[in-house]
Amino acid sequence: MNENNLDKLIYKKLSRRELLKSSGRTAAVLAACAVFPSGFIELLNNRKGSLKAVSPDKYSPIPFKPILPSTEDKLILPEGFEYTIIRKWGDNISDDTPYGFNNDYVAYMQIDYHTGGNNSEDGLLIVNHEYPSPLFINKYSDEDFKNGRIKTKEETDRERKFTGINIFRVKKIDGKWEFTEDINFNRSINAMTPIKLSGKAAGAEELKFKDYADGTLANCSGGITPWGTVLSGEENFQDHYSSDNVWEYRWNDTNKDFINEHYGWVVEVDPFDKNSIPKKRTSLGRFRHENVAIGISKRGKAVAYMGDDKVNECVYKFITKNNYDPKDKKKNEDILDEGDLYVADFLNNKWQLLDFEKREVLKNNFRSQADVLVNCDKASKLAGGTECNRPEDIEINPADNSVFISFTNNSGKEDYFGSIVRIVENENDFESLNFEWEVFAKGGADSGFSCPDNLTFDNDGNLWVLCDISTSKINKDRQKPFKNNSLFMIPVSGENKGRAFLFASGPVECELCGGTFTPDGSTMFISVQHPGEGTVDYDNPTSRWPMYGDDIPRPAVVAVTGFKK
């Protein structure tokens, strides 16, 4: 299909009148001839908060005294709060299994999860590990790469072991959280663990007719399913390819069977069954997955929301064919393999179907549904998806079922500080194909936060936002006022609605991520990722957190306590 025909089909110019009509009840005054995909920034700039909360507003008191931004090499918390390091890089989670590098997503699942309990002092932590550091793991530097030193197989295998997903037990003993050795649960699912390919692209030509992938990698954020499993998003999988401009990993220099198309999926893991085989759910599409947030529709369908963490990429949702069964866990085991994948069209406030058999534009450009899924980023634009400003974490507000999305930034469109968008599905039903939306909060000097990434909600419905200003820009130029990456609480209702309150400031060059509460809300688990990421000399790191002295920086997952139950 030529470009002119494509423009007529999908990205046609609209008159101001048509634009306002198509944008639904929440439309703001937009540019007269906004043209997609370049018009998303105009929508963000003009779309004001106007949606009503589905549930009545309530007063949201601030449960801490906000701190000030900091450039110190410390994890700083408000008065009355403290943190305990649960695991850091260099520790083990079993006798022969090391704790991974660059911890990201954290999920806490109470040990009595499947019996309906809410134990907030004994449970499993499921932690993603996004990428290794060749410098800190193997003392392999940028200069080594430039000088042509190729990593040995032992070195690449060591890095592969530090990626993936760690599962281990934790307990609160005498008021302090502790790592617990438990052979029944503690395990690592890393870049060398066999992972079953499942869903509509499994075994297809595009996946080299394979039924298994060689491990999981680039594990960013994730989500807990209503049936008690954990989903992990494979995000920047492209960094693990061999190429001239990506020196960090280059794993397929030593692994000739590395198949690019086996990565970039959502991995499902049963943390309570150590013998279970993780599965890559290919029906959810292949792109740079940040996380997965699942809601149950009014008819009982499981609906998964996802973002493609890259500038000018899209927001997706998947609606299962079969109903979720809350009484029979086994019936839900492969529920994510059958269903329909959609991409968000923010111009027309609707979800556009990504189905090879039902969309002519996809038939004209792809060979099969497997081809569509493997090349989801390309298919989404043809189907009418809106190019966005780095859609990262997506979470569902349990108070009213509205969907919150972090758009971290897009400097190419002069969106330097990012924003948080709120979607309300038609009739408040996750299965709806039409929605309304608003810009809930915008990053910048006025709000005090920049580059929102991970999101989570507490038991009072407050939104917690973990920020990710890139290491190359942190404490420089436009980002200088925000100082180190931080964690904010933003109430979603009441007199403080939309205001950001600074709760935590991280060590030098780190990213604070993860962020999850125990069921009683008394503890928050946070990942401190890549402190000292800008280090070029192993012996002179830019951070010494958390051990200080002569030690190198070590990513760690911490338990923050001091919250009122």
Protein backbone atom coordinates (compact mmCIF):
# COMPACT_ATOMS: atom_id res chain seq x y z
CA MET A 1 0.00 0.00 0.00
CA ASN A 2 1.48 3.36 -0.94
CA GLU A 3 1.87 6.25 1.49
CA ASN A 4 -0.90 8.34 -0.03
CA ASN A 5 -3.47 5.60 0.37
CA LEU A 6 -2.33 4.98 3.93
CA ASP A 7 -2.80 8.65 4.76
CA LYS A 8 -6.35 8.52 3.40
CA LEU A 9 -7.17 5.42 5.41
CA ILE A 10 -5.75 6.30 8.80
CA TYR A 11 -3.89 9.55 9.27
CA LYS A 12 -6.20 11.88 7.37
CA LYS A 13 -6.44 15.53 8.34
CA LEU A 14 -9.54 16.55 10.21
CA SER A 15 -11.24 19.90 10.30
CA ARG A 16 -11.54 21.49 13.73
CA ARG A 17 -15.22 20.57 13.81
CA GLU A 18 -14.58 16.93 12.91
CA LEU A 19 -11.77 16.71 15.43
CA LEU A 20 -13.88 17.95 18.30
CA LYS A 21 -16.73 15.68 17.30
CA SER A 22 -14.53 12.58 17.13
CA SER A 23 -12.76 13.27 20.42
CA GLY A 24 -15.80 12.60 22.60
CA ARG A 25 -17.09 14.44 25.67
CA THR A 26 -13.64 15.07 27.13
CA ALA A 27 -12.22 16.88 24.10
CA ALA A 28 -10.22 20.02 24.74
CA VAL A 29 -9.63 22.73 22.15
CA LEU A 30 -6.99 21.16 19.90
CA ALA A 31 -4.96 22.36 16.96
CA ALA A 32 -7.09 22.83 13.87
CA CYS A 33 -5.29 20.33 11.67
CA ALA A 34 -3.64 17.89 14.05
CA VAL A 35 -2.18 15.07 12.00
CA PHE A 36 -1.23 11.72 13.47
CA PRO A 37 1.20 10.32 14.37
CA SER A 38 2.86 13.69 15.09
CA GLY A 39 -0.10 15.16 16.96
CA PHE A 40 0.12 13.37 20.30
CA ILE A 41 2.17 16.12 21.90
CA GLU A 42 -0.52 18.65 20.92
CA LEU A 43 -3.13 16.47 22.58
CA LEU A 44 -1.08 16.28 25.78
CA ASN A 45 -0.54 20.02 25.81
CA ASN A 46 -4.23 20.82 25.43
CA ARG A 47 -6.05 17.99 27.16
CA LYS A 48 -7.04 19.25 30.60
CA GLY A 49 -8.17 17.19 33.58
CA SER A 50 -11.95 17.02 33.31
CA LEU A 51 -12.99 13.46 34.03
CA LYS A 52 -14.94 12.70 37.16
CA ALA A 53 -13.81 9.91 39.47
CA VAL A 54 -16.18 6.98 39.25
CA SER A 55 -16.24 6.78 43.03
CA PRO A 56 -16.88 9.93 45.12
CA ASP A 57 -13.87 12.08 45.97
CA LYS A 58 -12.50 11.70 49.47
CA TYR A 59 -9.97 13.63 51.45
CA SER A 60 -6.47 12.16 51.03
CA PRO A 61 -4.20 13.22 53.90
CA ILE A 62 -0.45 13.19 53.26
CA PRO A 63 0.92 10.45 55.57
CA PHE A 64 4.46 11.85 55.71
CA LYS A 65 6.38 15.12 55.82
CA PRO A 66 7.68 15.62 52.26
CA ILE A 67 11.45 15.79 51.82
CA LEU A 68 13.52 18.06 49.56
CA PRO A 69 15.29 16.95 46.36
CA SER A 70 18.85 15.75 46.95
CA THR A 71 22.09 15.02 45.12
CA GLU A 72 23.50 12.94 47.98
CA ASP A 73 24.64 9.36 47.49
CA LYS A 74 21.95 8.12 49.84
CA LEU A 75 18.46 6.68 49.88
CA ILE A 76 16.66 9.44 51.78
CA LEU A 77 13.21 8.96 53.36
CA PRO A 78 10.93 11.19 55.44
CA GLU A 79 11.18 11.36 59.21
CA GLY A 80 9.67 8.26 60.82
CA PHE A 81 10.48 5.94 57.91
CA GLU A 82 13.40 3.57 57.48
CA TYR A 83 14.59 0.98 54.99
CA THR A 84 16.11 -2.48 55.25
CA ILE A 85 18.15 -4.03 52.45
CA ILE A 86 16.60 -7.41 51.63
CA ARG A 87 18.96 -8.51 48.82
CA LYS A 88 21.72 -6.70 46.97
CA TRP A 89 23.91 -7.69 44.07
CA GLY A 90 26.58 -10.02 45.45
CA ASP A 91 24.12 -11.89 47.67
CA ASN A 92 22.60 -15.28 46.91
CA ILE A 93 18.98 -16.42 46.96
CA SER A 94 20.03 -20.06 47.46
CA ASP A 95 23.31 -21.90 47.95
CA ASP A 96 24.16 -21.92 44.25
CA THR A 97 21.96 -19.13 42.88
CA PRO A 98 23.16 -15.49 42.84
CA TYR A 99 20.83 -12.54 43.25
CA GLY A 100 20.54 -10.72 39.93
CA PHE A 101 21.84 -7.35 38.80
CA ASN A 102 19.80 -4.17 38.30
CA ASN A 103 16.62 -5.16 40.10
CA ASP A 104 13.51 -3.51 38.65
CA TYR A 105 9.91 -4.68 39.18
CA VAL A 106 9.03 -6.02 42.63
CA ALA A 107 5.90 -7.99 43.48
CA TYR A 108 4.97 -9.14 46.97
CA MET A 109 2.64 -12.14 47.15
CA GLN A 110 1.59 -13.24 50.61
CA ILE A 111 2.45 -16.84 51.43
CA ASP A 112 -1.25 -17.62 51.97
CA TYR A 113 -2.25 -16.01 48.64
CA HIS A 114 -4.04 -19.07 47.27
CA THR A 115 -6.01 -19.67 50.44
CA GLY A 116 -7.41 -16.15 50.46
CA GLY A 117 -5.13 -14.83 53.19
CA ASN A 118 -3.55 -11.42 53.53
CA ASN A 119 -0.35 -12.18 55.40
CA SER A 120 1.71 -8.99 55.40
CA GLU A 121 4.68 -10.44 57.28
CA ASP A 122 5.46 -13.58 55.28
CA GLY A 123 5.47 -13.84 51.51
CA LEU A 124 7.34 -14.16 48.25
CA LEU A 125 9.19 -11.37 46.49
CA ILE A 126 9.30 -11.67 42.72
CA VAL A 127 11.99 -9.36 41.36
CA ASN A 128 12.87 -8.57 37.74
CA HIS A 129 16.49 -7.93 36.75
CA GLU A 130 16.63 -5.74 33.69
CA TYR A 131 20.23 -5.82 32.47
CA PRO A 132 23.76 -6.61 33.64
CA SER A 133 26.72 -4.28 34.02
CA PRO A 134 29.71 -5.64 32.10
CA LEU A 135 31.90 -3.18 34.01
CA PHE A 136 30.89 -4.21 37.53
CA ILE A 137 30.37 -7.91 36.73
CA ASN A 138 33.33 -8.57 34.43
CA LYS A 139 35.40 -5.38 34.60
CA TYR A 140 34.66 -5.10 30.88
CA SER A 141 34.72 -1.42 29.89
CA ASP A 142 33.88 0.74 26.93
CA GLU A 143 37.58 0.89 26.17
CA ASP A 144 37.75 -2.93 26.09
CA PHE A 145 35.06 -2.92 23.44
CA LYS A 146 36.70 -0.16 21.42
CA ASN A 147 39.97 -2.05 21.55
CA GLY A 148 38.32 -5.19 20.18
CA ARG A 149 38.34 -7.38 23.29
CA ILE A 150 35.60 -9.98 22.88
CA LYS A 151 34.03 -11.38 26.01
CA THR A 152 34.67 -15.01 26.79
CA LYS A 153 31.81 -17.48 27.02
CA GLU A 154 32.32 -17.58 30.79
CA GLU A 155 31.90 -13.82 30.96
CA THR A 156 28.72 -13.74 28.89
CA ASP A 157 27.27 -16.68 30.83
CA ARG A 158 27.97 -14.82 34.06
CA GLU A 159 26.06 -11.80 32.78
CA ARG A 160 23.18 -13.95 31.58
CA LYS A 161 22.80 -15.46 35.04
CA PHE A 162 22.30 -12.00 36.53
CA THR A 163 19.28 -11.15 34.34
CA GLY A 164 15.74 -12.51 34.41
CA ILE A 165 13.46 -13.11 37.39
CA ASN A 166 14.32 -13.97 41.00
CA ILE A 167 11.78 -15.50 43.39
CA PHE A 168 12.50 -15.79 47.10
CA ARG A 169 10.77 -15.79 50.46
CA VAL A 170 10.85 -12.90 52.94
CA LYS A 171 9.56 -12.66 56.52
CA LYS A 172 9.11 -9.90 59.04
CA ILE A 173 10.74 -11.07 62.26
CA ASP A 174 10.71 -8.92 65.40
CA GLY A 175 9.65 -5.94 63.34
CA LYS A 176 12.42 -6.32 60.69
CA TRP A 177 12.17 -7.76 57.20
CA GLU A 178 14.59 -10.60 56.45
CA PHE A 179 15.48 -12.71 53.46
CA THR A 180 14.52 -16.35 54.07
CA GLU A 181 16.20 -19.42 52.62
CA ASP A 182 13.45 -21.70 51.36
CA ILE A 183 14.20 -24.48 48.88
CA ASN A 184 10.47 -24.79 48.12
CA PHE A 185 10.31 -21.37 46.47
CA ASN A 186 13.66 -19.65 45.97
CA ARG A 187 14.83 -19.82 42.36
CA SER A 188 16.15 -17.88 39.40
CA ILE A 189 14.60 -17.80 35.93
CA ASN A 190 17.34 -16.23 33.85
CA ALA A 191 18.65 -15.85 30.31
CA MET A 192 19.61 -19.54 30.18
CA THR A 193 16.36 -21.03 31.54
CA PRO A 194 14.23 -22.84 28.93
CA ILE A 195 10.98 -20.87 28.44
CA LYS A 196 8.02 -22.32 26.58
CA LEU A 197 6.65 -20.28 23.68
CA SER A 198 2.87 -20.19 23.91
CA GLY A 199 0.05 -18.46 22.06
CA LYS A 200 -0.69 -17.50 18.46
CA ALA A 201 2.93 -17.04 17.34
CA ALA A 202 4.35 -20.15 19.03
CA GLY A 203 5.97 -22.56 16.56
CA ALA A 204 5.44 -20.16 13.65
CA GLU A 205 7.95 -19.54 10.90
CA GLU A 206 8.63 -16.09 12.36
CA LEU A 207 9.88 -17.80 15.55
CA LYS A 208 11.95 -20.30 13.52
CA PHE A 209 9.33 -22.99 14.21
CA LYS A 210 10.55 -23.24 17.81
CA ASP A 211 8.47 -24.20 20.82
CA TYR A 212 11.02 -23.03 23.41
CA ALA A 213 13.15 -19.91 23.83
CA ASP A 214 16.56 -19.80 25.42
CA GLY A 215 15.76 -17.88 28.58
CA THR A 216 14.27 -14.49 29.37
CA LEU A 217 16.12 -11.17 29.44
CA ALA A 218 15.63 -7.39 29.63
CA ASN A 219 12.96 -7.97 32.29
CA CYS A 220 11.57 -4.58 33.21
CA SER A 221 8.27 -4.21 35.04
CA GLY A 222 5.39 -6.66 35.34
CA GLY A 223 2.14 -7.44 37.07
CA ILE A 224 0.25 -9.94 39.21
CA THR A 225 -2.65 -11.80 37.60
CA PRO A 226 -5.97 -12.40 39.38
CA TRP A 227 -5.23 -16.13 39.15
CA GLY A 228 -2.01 -15.84 41.16
CA THR A 229 0.81 -15.80 38.60
CA VAL A 230 3.28 -13.04 37.76
CA LEU A 231 3.82 -11.44 34.36
CA SER A 232 7.24 -10.05 33.41
CA GLY A 233 7.81 -7.72 30.45
CA GLU A 234 10.87 -8.18 28.24
CA GLU A 235 11.69 -4.59 27.40
CA ASN A 236 14.99 -3.53 25.75
CA PHE A 237 15.70 -6.92 24.23
CA GLN A 238 17.41 -5.23 21.27
CA ASP A 239 20.37 -4.37 23.54
CA HIS A 240 21.30 -8.03 23.70
CA TYR A 241 21.88 -8.31 19.96
CA SER A 242 25.34 -8.09 18.46
CA SER A 243 25.79 -4.71 16.81
CA ASP A 244 28.39 -2.00 16.44
CA ASN A 245 26.56 0.58 18.52
CA VAL A 246 25.54 -1.64 21.45
CA TRP A 247 28.63 -2.87 23.24
CA GLU A 248 27.21 -3.73 26.63
CA TYR A 249 25.95 -7.24 26.04
CA ARG A 250 26.60 -8.63 22.52
CA TRP A 251 25.53 -12.03 23.77
CA ASN A 252 25.08 -13.69 20.42
CA ASP A 253 28.81 -13.33 19.72
CA THR A 254 29.06 -16.45 21.88
CA ASN A 255 25.57 -17.83 21.36
CA LYS A 256 25.03 -18.51 17.68
CA ASP A 257 21.55 -19.90 18.33
CA PHE A 258 20.29 -16.55 19.68
CA ILE A 259 17.01 -15.84 17.89
CA ASN A 260 15.99 -12.18 18.11
CA GLU A 261 12.31 -12.92 17.68
CA HIS A 262 12.31 -15.08 20.82
CA TYR A 263 12.56 -11.92 22.95
CA GLY A 264 10.30 -8.94 23.51
CA TRP A 265 7.38 -10.93 24.94
CA VAL A 266 5.48 -11.16 28.21
CA VAL A 267 6.62 -14.06 30.40
CA GLU A 268 4.18 -15.72 32.81
CA VAL A 269 5.55 -17.45 35.92
CA ASP A 270 3.89 -19.34 38.77
CA PRO A 271 5.98 -18.27 41.78
CA PHE A 272 4.39 -20.84 44.08
CA ASP A 273 5.23 -23.83 41.89
CA LYS A 274 8.98 -24.25 41.61
CA ASN A 275 8.57 -27.04 39.07
CA SER A 276 6.32 -25.07 36.72
CA ILE A 277 7.62 -24.03 33.30
CA PRO A 278 7.51 -20.28 32.53
CA LYS A 279 5.72 -19.33 29.30
CA LYS A 280 6.08 -16.48 26.83
CA ARG A 281 2.56 -15.31 25.95
CA THR A 282 2.99 -14.42 22.28
CA SER A 283 -0.65 -13.45 21.72
CA LEU A 284 0.06 -10.27 23.71
CA GLY A 285 2.43 -9.05 21.01
CA ARG A 286 6.16 -8.48 20.74
CA PHE A 287 7.49 -5.03 21.59
CA ARG A 288 9.43 -3.33 24.36
CA HIS A 289 7.11 -4.38 27.15
CA GLU A 290 7.22 -2.24 30.28
CA ASN A 291 4.58 -4.06 32.31
CA VAL A 292 1.13 -5.67 32.25
CA ALA A 293 -1.89 -4.56 34.30
CA ILE A 294 -4.93 -6.86 34.30
CA GLY A 295 -8.55 -6.08 35.04
CA ILE A 296 -11.65 -8.27 34.81
CA SER A 297 -14.44 -6.99 32.58
CA LYS A 298 -18.13 -7.01 33.47
CA ARG A 299 -18.58 -10.18 31.40
CA GLY A 300 -15.63 -11.84 33.12
CA LYS A 301 -12.95 -11.42 30.46
CA ALA A 302 -9.36 -10.79 31.54
CA VAL A 303 -8.11 -7.55 30.00
CA ALA A 304 -4.37 -6.83 29.91
CA TYR A 305 -3.03 -3.27 29.44
CA MET A 306 0.51 -2.80 28.09
CA GLY A 307 2.86 -0.06 26.89
CA ASP A 308 5.73 -0.10 24.39
CA ASP A 309 8.57 1.77 26.13
CA LYS A 310 10.03 3.68 23.23
CA VAL A 311 9.47 7.16 21.82
CA ASN A 312 6.68 7.29 19.24
CA GLU A 313 5.26 3.91 20.24
CA CYS A 314 1.85 2.75 21.35
CA VAL A 315 -0.44 1.60 24.16
CA TYR A 316 -2.15 -1.80 23.87
CA LYS A 317 -4.74 -3.98 25.49
CA PHE A 318 -5.61 -7.64 25.10
CA ILE A 319 -9.07 -9.08 25.76
CA THR A 320 -9.21 -12.81 26.43
CA LYS A 321 -11.52 -15.10 24.51
CA ASN A 322 -12.40 -17.14 27.59
CA ASN A 323 -13.77 -15.93 30.89
CA TYR A 324 -11.67 -15.76 34.02
CA ASP A 325 -12.76 -18.38 36.58
CA PRO A 326 -12.10 -17.16 40.15
CA LYS A 327 -12.91 -20.60 41.55
CA ASP A 328 -10.68 -22.76 39.37
CA LYS A 329 -7.06 -21.65 38.99
CA LYS A 330 -6.30 -24.39 36.46
CA LYS A 331 -8.90 -23.08 33.99
CA ASN A 332 -6.99 -19.79 33.82
CA GLU A 333 -3.57 -21.31 33.13
CA ASP A 334 -3.51 -20.47 29.41
CA ILE A 335 -6.21 -17.80 29.30
CA LEU A 336 -3.75 -15.28 27.78
CA ASP A 337 -3.16 -17.44 24.69
CA GLU A 338 -6.55 -16.79 23.05
CA GLY A 339 -8.13 -13.41 22.52
CA ASP A 340 -7.93 -10.11 20.65
CA LEU A 341 -5.12 -7.55 20.74
CA TYR A 342 -5.91 -3.84 20.34
CA VAL A 343 -3.92 -0.62 20.05
CA ALA A 344 -5.04 2.72 21.49
CA ASP A 345 -6.21 5.42 19.08
CA PHE A 346 -6.13 8.61 21.19
CA LEU A 347 -7.43 10.74 18.31
CA ASN A 348 -10.72 8.88 18.05
CA ASN A 349 -10.89 7.59 21.63
CA LYS A 350 -11.12 3.97 20.60
CA TRP A 351 -9.22 0.70 20.57
CA GLN A 352 -8.19 -0.47 17.10
CA LEU A 353 -8.13 -4.23 16.46
CA LEU A 354 -4.86 -5.93 15.48
CA ASP A 355 -6.27 -9.00 13.74
CA PHE A 356 -4.79 -10.22 10.47
CA GLU A 357 -8.01 -11.88 9.34
CA LYS A 358 -10.26 -8.90 10.08
CA ARG A 359 -8.15 -5.91 9.06
CA GLU A 360 -7.47 -5.42 5.35
CA VAL A 361 -4.60 -3.05 6.03
CA LEU A 362 -2.83 -5.83 7.95
CA LYS A 363 -3.52 -8.42 5.24
CA ASN A 364 -1.91 -6.11 2.71
CA ASN A 365 1.28 -5.75 4.74
CA PHE A 366 1.81 -8.99 6.71
CA ARG A 367 1.76 -12.72 6.06
CA SER A 368 -0.13 -13.95 9.12
CA GLN A 369 -1.23 -13.11 12.64
CA ALA A 370 2.12 -14.43 13.85
CA ASP A 371 3.82 -11.90 11.57
CA VAL A 372 1.61 -9.14 13.01
CA LEU A 373 2.49 -10.16 16.57
CA VAL A 374 6.23 -10.41 15.94
CA ASN A 375 6.22 -6.98 14.28
CA CYS A 376 3.62 -5.42 16.53
CA ASP A 377 5.20 -1.95 16.53
CA LYS A 378 4.81 -1.68 12.75
CA ALA A 379 1.35 -3.26 12.63
CA SER A 380 0.00 -0.93 15.30
CA LYS A 381 0.64 2.20 13.21
CA LEU A 382 -1.02 0.71 10.14
CA ALA A 383 -4.06 -0.20 12.23
CA GLY A 384 -4.51 3.35 13.49
CA GLY A 385 -2.58 3.32 16.75
CA THR A 386 -1.35 6.63 18.11
CA GLU A 387 2.37 7.20 18.45
CA CYS A 388 2.99 8.30 22.04
CA ASN A 389 5.70 9.74 24.27
CA ARG A 390 7.33 6.60 25.71
CA PRO A 391 4.39 4.76 27.29
CA GLU A 392 5.87 3.00 30.30
CA ASP A 393 4.05 1.72 33.35
CA ILE A 394 0.28 1.24 33.24
CA GLU A 395 -1.71 0.59 36.42
CA ILE A 396 -5.39 0.29 37.29
CA ASN A 397 -6.74 2.37 40.16
CA PRO A 398 -8.55 -0.16 42.40
CA ALA A 399 -10.83 2.62 43.68
CA ASP A 400 -12.58 3.33 40.38
CA ASN A 401 -11.03 1.06 37.66
CA SER A 402 -9.58 4.01 35.75
CA VAL A 403 -6.32 3.27 33.96
CA PHE A 404 -3.21 5.39 34.59
CA ILE A 405 -0.36 5.54 32.06
CA SER A 406 3.12 7.01 32.46
CA PHE A 407 4.34 8.82 29.36
CA THR A 408 7.94 9.31 30.45
CA ASN A 409 9.15 11.84 27.88
CA ASN A 410 9.85 12.51 24.21
CA SER A 411 12.58 15.10 23.80
CA GLY A 412 12.26 14.92 20.03
CA LYS A 413 8.84 16.52 20.44
CA GLU A 414 10.03 18.84 23.22
CA ASP A 415 8.32 16.81 25.91
CA TYR A 416 11.21 16.72 28.37
CA PHE A 417 9.40 16.02 31.62
CA GLY A 418 6.65 13.55 30.73
CA SER A 419 3.08 13.22 31.94
CA ILE A 420 0.57 10.85 33.48
CA VAL A 421 -2.61 10.14 31.51
CA ARG A 422 -5.82 8.70 32.93
CA ILE A 423 -8.20 6.59 30.82
CA VAL A 424 -11.81 5.81 31.72
CA GLU A 425 -13.33 3.04 29.63
CA ASN A 426 -16.88 3.48 28.31
CA GLU A 427 -19.41 2.39 30.97
CA ASN A 428 -16.40 1.77 33.21
CA ASP A 429 -15.92 -1.62 31.56
CA PHE A 430 -12.43 -2.88 30.72
CA GLU A 431 -13.84 -4.69 27.70
CA SER A 432 -15.14 -1.50 26.09
CA LEU A 433 -13.67 -0.45 22.75
CA ASN A 434 -14.22 3.25 23.44
CA PHE A 435 -12.76 5.42 26.15
CA GLU A 436 -12.32 8.95 27.46
CA TRP A 437 -9.04 10.34 28.69
CA GLU A 438 -7.34 13.25 30.39
CA VAL A 439 -3.87 14.42 31.35
CA PHE A 440 -3.91 13.73 35.08
CA ALA A 441 -0.54 15.31 35.88
CA LYS A 442 2.30 16.86 33.91
CA GLY A 443 5.97 16.73 34.83
CA GLY A 444 7.94 19.94 35.10
CA ALA A 445 9.09 22.66 37.45
CA ASP A 446 5.53 23.45 38.55
CA SER A 447 4.72 19.89 39.59
CA GLY A 448 8.17 19.06 40.96
CA PHE A 449 8.56 15.69 39.25
CA SER A 450 10.11 14.68 35.95
CA CYS A 451 10.06 11.56 33.76
CA PRO A 452 7.43 9.40 35.53
CA ASP A 453 8.00 5.69 35.10
CA ASN A 454 6.70 3.03 37.50
CA LEU A 455 3.31 3.52 39.16
CA THR A 456 1.57 1.86 42.08
CA PHE A 457 -1.45 2.52 44.30
CA ASP A 458 -1.76 2.30 48.07
CA ASN A 459 -4.82 1.13 49.98
CA ASP A 460 -6.21 4.67 50.10
CA GLY A 461 -6.10 4.97 46.31
CA ASN A 462 -3.14 7.37 46.26
CA LEU A 463 -0.85 7.13 43.24
CA TRP A 464 2.87 6.57 43.87
CA VAL A 465 5.19 7.59 41.03
CA LEU A 466 8.80 6.46 40.64
CA CYS A 467 10.81 8.63 38.26
CA ASP A 468 13.49 7.78 35.71
CA ILE A 469 15.53 10.72 34.48
CA SER A 470 18.24 9.13 32.35
CA THR A 471 21.78 9.04 33.74
CA SER A 472 23.08 11.14 30.85
CA LYS A 473 20.67 13.97 31.77
CA ILE A 474 20.26 13.73 35.53
CA ASN A 475 21.35 16.88 37.42
CA LYS A 476 22.05 18.63 34.12
CA ASP A 477 20.38 21.41 32.13
CA ARG A 478 16.57 21.10 32.20
CA GLN A 479 16.68 18.20 34.66
CA LYS A 480 18.96 19.91 37.19
CA PRO A 481 16.18 21.24 39.50
CA PHE A 482 14.85 17.71 40.11
CA LYS A 483 18.24 16.40 41.33
CA ASN A 484 18.46 12.61 41.92
CA ASN A 485 15.67 10.30 40.79
CA SER A 486 12.85 10.21 43.30
CA LEU A 487 9.55 8.71 44.45
CA PHE A 488 6.43 10.86 44.78
CA MET A 489 2.93 10.34 46.14
CA ILE A 490 0.13 12.00 44.14
CA PRO A 491 -3.43 11.84 45.55
CA VAL A 492 -6.05 11.11 42.90
CA SER A 493 -8.93 12.71 44.79
CA GLY A 494 -9.63 15.25 47.51
CA GLU A 495 -8.08 18.66 48.04
CA ASN A 496 -4.59 17.46 47.10
CA LYS A 497 -5.62 15.77 43.87
CA GLY A 498 -2.85 15.90 41.28
CA ARG A 499 -0.24 17.44 43.59
CA ALA A 500 3.11 15.63 43.89
CA PHE A 501 4.69 15.12 47.31
CA LEU A 502 8.33 13.96 47.45
CA PHE A 503 8.73 10.80 49.55
CA ALA A 504 12.13 9.35 48.63
CA SER A 505 15.34 10.46 46.92
CA GLY A 506 17.69 7.81 45.56
CA PRO A 507 21.50 7.50 45.50
CA VAL A 508 23.68 8.99 42.76
CA GLU A 509 22.70 8.02 39.19
CA CYS A 510 20.20 5.41 40.36
CA GLU A 511 16.63 4.82 39.26
CA LEU A 512 14.00 4.04 41.89
CA CYS A 513 11.63 1.42 40.52
CA GLY A 514 9.36 -1.44 41.47
CA GLY A 515 7.24 -0.06 44.27
CA THR A 516 4.71 -2.43 45.80
CA PHE A 517 2.87 -2.54 49.13
CA THR A 518 2.07 -5.41 51.47
CA PRO A 519 -1.69 -6.08 51.76
CA ASP A 520 -1.97 -4.08 54.99
CA GLY A 521 -0.07 -1.14 53.48
CA SER A 522 2.57 -1.12 56.23
CA THR A 523 5.58 -1.90 54.00
CA MET A 524 6.64 -0.76 50.56
CA PHE A 525 9.26 -2.72 48.61
CA ILE A 526 11.41 -0.64 46.27
CA SER A 527 14.23 -1.47 43.86
CA VAL A 528 17.25 0.80 43.76
CA GLN A 529 18.56 0.18 40.27
CA HIS A 530 21.93 1.08 38.69
CA PRO A 531 23.46 3.38 41.33
CA GLY A 532 26.68 4.76 39.86
CA GLU A 533 25.57 3.90 36.34
CA GLY A 534 27.79 6.60 34.84
CA THR A 535 30.96 4.97 36.17
CA VAL A 536 33.71 4.44 33.57
CA ASP A 537 36.51 3.38 35.94
CA TYR A 538 35.81 0.32 38.10
CA ASP A 539 38.12 1.60 40.84
CA ASN A 540 36.54 5.06 40.95
CA PRO A 541 32.76 4.60 40.82
CA THR A 542 30.45 7.59 40.96
CA SER A 543 28.44 5.94 43.77
CA ARG A 544 29.37 3.72 46.70
CA TRP A 545 25.81 2.95 47.81
CA PRO A 546 24.85 0.95 49.84
CA MET A 547 28.01 -0.41 51.49
CA TYR A 548 30.19 2.70 50.97
CA GLY A 549 33.88 2.59 51.94
CA ASP A 550 35.89 1.11 49.08
CA ASP A 551 32.99 -0.97 47.75
CA ILE A 552 31.44 -0.64 44.31
CA PRO A 553 27.77 0.39 43.93
CA ARG A 554 25.29 -2.45 44.30
CA PRO A 555 21.68 -2.51 43.10
CA ALA A 556 19.38 -3.70 45.87
CA VAL A 557 15.75 -4.28 46.80
CA VAL A 558 14.71 -2.65 50.07
CA ALA A 559 11.75 -2.80 52.46
CA VAL A 560 10.52 0.64 53.53
CA THR A 561 8.60 0.69 56.80
CA GLY A 562 6.89 3.39 58.85
CA PHE A 563 3.53 3.47 57.04
CA LYS A 564 0.41 3.39 59.21
CA LYS A 565 -1.75 0.30 58.82
